[in-house]
Amino acid sequence: MWFWMYATRIPAIFAAKLKLDPNVPKGELMATLPPRVRWKADNYNHLFEQPTVFYAVALSLAVIGQGGGGNAMLAWVYVGLRVAHSLLQVLWNNISARFGLFTLSAFTLMALTFNAVRLVF
């Protein structure tokens, strides 16, 4: 997503002839770019939110030797749902459909987290 974001953002900045003024808030400056360009940056930022919990839970399960079986299945389902969410956001950005995928991934992560807490305590 990082490469895709910059591969679309940098050409859009040049095409729009944006002046990168440090006194203008980033949100204001980037708001002038086309939505299809901004969607990639929005998704990149989203990958530093809920998925960071997933990384911690998945690594914890792996460290305690419980990363296989049902936990591995839940982890791969979560990854698949997040990939689908990312592609949906950057290509189409239908908010209702994104929310559905987000909700499914959130419940999957909750189940994985519950399993980790149960196994640790």
C-alpha atoms as a PDB file:
ATOM      1  CA  MET A   1       0.000   0.000   0.000  1.00  0.00           C
ATOM      2  CA  TRP A   2       2.925   2.318   0.750  1.00  0.00           C
ATOM      3  CA  PHE A   3       4.275   1.956  -2.805  1.00  0.00           C
ATOM      4  CA  TRP A   4       0.810   2.279  -4.351  1.00  0.00           C
ATOM      5  CA  MET A   5       0.113   5.409  -2.284  1.00  0.00           C
ATOM      6  CA  TYR A   6       3.283   7.163  -3.436  1.00  0.00           C
ATOM      7  CA  ALA A   7       3.011   5.875  -7.009  1.00  0.00           C
ATOM      8  CA  THR A   8      -0.316   7.715  -7.280  1.00  0.00           C
ATOM      9  CA  ARG A   9       0.262  10.631  -4.893  1.00  0.00           C
ATOM     10  CA  ILE A  10       3.545  11.974  -6.274  1.00  0.00           C
ATOM     11  CA  PRO A  11       2.325  12.197  -9.913  1.00  0.00           C
ATOM     12  CA  ALA A  12      -0.932  13.783  -8.674  1.00  0.00           C
ATOM     13  CA  ILE A  13       1.018  16.396  -6.698  1.00  0.00           C
ATOM     14  CA  PHE A  14       3.044  17.274  -9.801  1.00  0.00           C
ATOM     15  CA  ALA A  15      -0.044  17.277 -12.039  1.00  0.00           C
ATOM     16  CA  ALA A  16      -1.864  19.619  -9.646  1.00  0.00           C
ATOM     17  CA  LYS A  17       1.263  21.780  -9.342  1.00  0.00           C
ATOM     18  CA  LEU A  18       0.846  21.775  -5.554  1.00  0.00           C
ATOM     19  CA  LYS A  19       3.198  23.961  -3.618  1.00  0.00           C
ATOM     20  CA  LEU A  20       4.277  21.951  -0.572  1.00  0.00           C
ATOM     21  CA  ASP A  21       4.039  24.790   1.940  1.00  0.00           C
ATOM     22  CA  PRO A  22       4.976  23.717   5.490  1.00  0.00           C
ATOM     23  CA  ASN A  23       2.608  26.398   6.851  1.00  0.00           C
ATOM     24  CA  VAL A  24      -0.453  24.788   5.271  1.00  0.00           C
ATOM     25  CA  PRO A  25      -1.875  21.833   7.222  1.00  0.00           C
ATOM     26  CA  LYS A  26      -1.280  18.521   5.426  1.00  0.00           C
ATOM     27  CA  GLY A  27      -4.989  17.689   5.371  1.00  0.00           C
ATOM     28  CA  GLU A  28      -5.784  20.960   3.644  1.00  0.00           C
ATOM     29  CA  LEU A  29      -3.056  20.471   1.068  1.00  0.00           C
ATOM     30  CA  MET A  30      -3.895  16.843   0.282  1.00  0.00           C
ATOM     31  CA  ALA A  31      -7.632  17.600   0.114  1.00  0.00           C
ATOM     32  CA  THR A  32      -6.985  19.232  -3.246  1.00  0.00           C
ATOM     33  CA  LEU A  33      -5.880  15.886  -4.732  1.00  0.00           C
ATOM     34  CA  PRO A  34      -8.421  13.652  -6.506  1.00  0.00           C
ATOM     35  CA  PRO A  35     -10.345  11.247  -4.237  1.00  0.00           C
ATOM     36  CA  ARG A  36      -8.893   8.158  -5.947  1.00  0.00           C
ATOM     37  CA  VAL A  37      -5.430   9.364  -4.900  1.00  0.00           C
ATOM     38  CA  ARG A  38      -6.478  10.203  -1.324  1.00  0.00           C
ATOM     39  CA  TRP A  39      -8.125   6.780  -0.838  1.00  0.00           C
ATOM     40  CA  LYS A  40      -4.711   5.092  -0.983  1.00  0.00           C
ATOM     41  CA  ALA A  41      -3.303   7.370   1.729  1.00  0.00           C
ATOM     42  CA  ASP A  42      -6.422   6.909   3.859  1.00  0.00           C
ATOM     43  CA  ASN A  43      -6.063   3.141   3.615  1.00  0.00           C
ATOM     44  CA  TYR A  44      -2.347   3.289   4.409  1.00  0.00           C
ATOM     45  CA  ASN A  45      -3.208   5.187   7.603  1.00  0.00           C
ATOM     46  CA  HIS A  46      -5.892   2.618   8.467  1.00  0.00           C
ATOM     47  CA  LEU A  47      -3.249  -0.106   8.350  1.00  0.00           C
ATOM     48  CA  PHE A  48      -1.665   1.463  11.442  1.00  0.00           C
ATOM     49  CA  GLU A  49      -4.852   1.285  13.470  1.00  0.00           C
ATOM     50  CA  GLN A  50      -6.688  -2.004  14.134  1.00  0.00           C
ATOM     51  CA  PRO A  51      -4.114  -4.202  12.360  1.00  0.00           C
ATOM     52  CA  THR A  52      -1.488  -3.291  14.958  1.00  0.00           C
ATOM     53  CA  VAL A  53      -3.614  -5.150  17.530  1.00  0.00           C
ATOM     54  CA  PHE A  54      -3.647  -8.117  15.153  1.00  0.00           C
ATOM     55  CA  TYR A  55       0.153  -8.097  14.893  1.00  0.00           C
ATOM     56  CA  ALA A  56       0.519  -8.141  18.685  1.00  0.00           C
ATOM     57  CA  VAL A  57      -2.068 -10.900  19.172  1.00  0.00           C
ATOM     58  CA  ALA A  58      -0.736 -13.066  16.329  1.00  0.00           C
ATOM     59  CA  LEU A  59       2.854 -12.726  17.546  1.00  0.00           C
ATOM     60  CA  SER A  60       1.804 -13.489  21.115  1.00  0.00           C
ATOM     61  CA  LEU A  61       0.012 -16.645  19.991  1.00  0.00           C
ATOM     62  CA  ALA A  62       3.046 -17.708  17.966  1.00  0.00           C
ATOM     63  CA  VAL A  63       5.422 -17.109  20.894  1.00  0.00           C
ATOM     64  CA  ILE A  64       3.329 -19.215  23.283  1.00  0.00           C
ATOM     65  CA  GLY A  65       3.071 -21.990  20.688  1.00  0.00           C
ATOM     66  CA  GLN A  66      -0.637 -21.516  19.989  1.00  0.00           C
ATOM     67  CA  GLY A  67      -0.431 -20.028  16.499  1.00  0.00           C
ATOM     68  CA  GLY A  68      -1.732 -23.073  14.648  1.00  0.00           C
ATOM     69  CA  GLY A  69      -5.105 -24.715  14.106  1.00  0.00           C
ATOM     70  CA  GLY A  70      -8.136 -22.537  14.703  1.00  0.00           C
ATOM     71  CA  ASN A  71      -6.018 -19.530  15.610  1.00  0.00           C
ATOM     72  CA  ALA A  72      -4.146 -19.766  12.305  1.00  0.00           C
ATOM     73  CA  MET A  73      -7.469 -20.029  10.479  1.00  0.00           C
ATOM     74  CA  LEU A  74      -8.829 -16.943  12.277  1.00  0.00           C
ATOM     75  CA  ALA A  75      -5.602 -15.076  11.541  1.00  0.00           C
ATOM     76  CA  TRP A  76      -5.778 -15.862   7.808  1.00  0.00           C
ATOM     77  CA  VAL A  77      -9.472 -14.945   7.689  1.00  0.00           C
ATOM     78  CA  TYR A  78      -8.571 -11.611   9.303  1.00  0.00           C
ATOM     79  CA  VAL A  79      -5.763 -11.014   6.815  1.00  0.00           C
ATOM     80  CA  GLY A  80      -8.044 -11.884   3.888  1.00  0.00           C
ATOM     81  CA  LEU A  81     -10.768  -9.543   5.121  1.00  0.00           C
ATOM     82  CA  ARG A  82      -8.264  -6.709   5.598  1.00  0.00           C
ATOM     83  CA  VAL A  83      -6.818  -7.239   2.116  1.00  0.00           C
ATOM     84  CA  ALA A  84     -10.352  -7.182   0.689  1.00  0.00           C
ATOM     85  CA  HIS A  85     -11.087  -4.028   2.730  1.00  0.00           C
ATOM     86  CA  SER A  86      -7.926  -2.352   1.432  1.00  0.00           C
ATOM     87  CA  LEU A  87      -8.679  -3.196  -2.190  1.00  0.00           C
ATOM     88  CA  LEU A  88     -12.278  -2.061  -1.802  1.00  0.00           C
ATOM     89  CA  GLN A  89     -11.179   1.231  -0.257  1.00  0.00           C
ATOM     90  CA  VAL A  90      -8.540   2.105  -2.817  1.00  0.00           C
ATOM     91  CA  LEU A  91     -10.427   0.975  -5.912  1.00  0.00           C
ATOM     92  CA  TRP A  92     -14.101   1.713  -5.252  1.00  0.00           C
ATOM     93  CA  ASN A  93     -14.446   3.177  -1.736  1.00  0.00           C
ATOM     94  CA  ASN A  94     -18.048   2.131  -1.147  1.00  0.00           C
ATOM     95  CA  ILE A  95     -18.425   2.996   2.530  1.00  0.00           C
ATOM     96  CA  SER A  96     -21.290   0.562   3.268  1.00  0.00           C
ATOM     97  CA  ALA A  97     -19.375  -2.371   1.777  1.00  0.00           C
ATOM     98  CA  ARG A  98     -16.198  -1.295   3.572  1.00  0.00           C
ATOM     99  CA  PHE A  99     -18.064  -1.135   6.870  1.00  0.00           C
ATOM    100  CA  GLY A 100     -19.323  -4.679   6.352  1.00  0.00           C
ATOM    101  CA  LEU A 101     -15.793  -5.969   5.771  1.00  0.00           C
ATOM    102  CA  PHE A 102     -14.481  -3.913   8.676  1.00  0.00           C
ATOM    103  CA  THR A 103     -17.139  -5.357  10.995  1.00  0.00           C
ATOM    104  CA  LEU A 104     -16.376  -8.928   9.935  1.00  0.00           C
ATOM    105  CA  SER A 105     -12.658  -8.357  10.424  1.00  0.00           C
ATOM    106  CA  ALA A 106     -13.251  -6.714  13.821  1.00  0.00           C
ATOM    107  CA  PHE A 107     -15.271  -9.717  15.039  1.00  0.00           C
ATOM    108  CA  THR A 108     -12.596 -12.067  13.716  1.00  0.00           C
ATOM    109  CA  LEU A 109      -9.917 -10.095  15.577  1.00  0.00           C
ATOM    110  CA  MET A 110     -12.048 -10.129  18.735  1.00  0.00           C
ATOM    111  CA  ALA A 111     -12.298 -13.927  18.544  1.00  0.00           C
ATOM    112  CA  LEU A 112      -8.542 -14.228  18.044  1.00  0.00           C
ATOM    113  CA  THR A 113      -7.891 -11.834  20.927  1.00  0.00           C
ATOM    114  CA  PHE A 114     -10.309 -13.752  23.173  1.00  0.00           C
ATOM    115  CA  ASN A 115      -8.436 -16.967  22.360  1.00  0.00           C
ATOM    116  CA  ALA A 116      -5.101 -15.337  23.192  1.00  0.00           C
ATOM    117  CA  VAL A 117      -6.352 -13.943  26.507  1.00  0.00           C
ATOM    118  CA  ARG A 118      -7.922 -17.286  27.423  1.00  0.00           C
ATOM    119  CA  LEU A 119      -4.670 -19.124  26.662  1.00  0.00           C
ATOM    120  CA  VAL A 120      -2.433 -16.684  28.519  1.00  0.00           C
ATOM    121  CA  PHE A 121      -4.573 -16.386  31.623  1.00  0.00           C
END
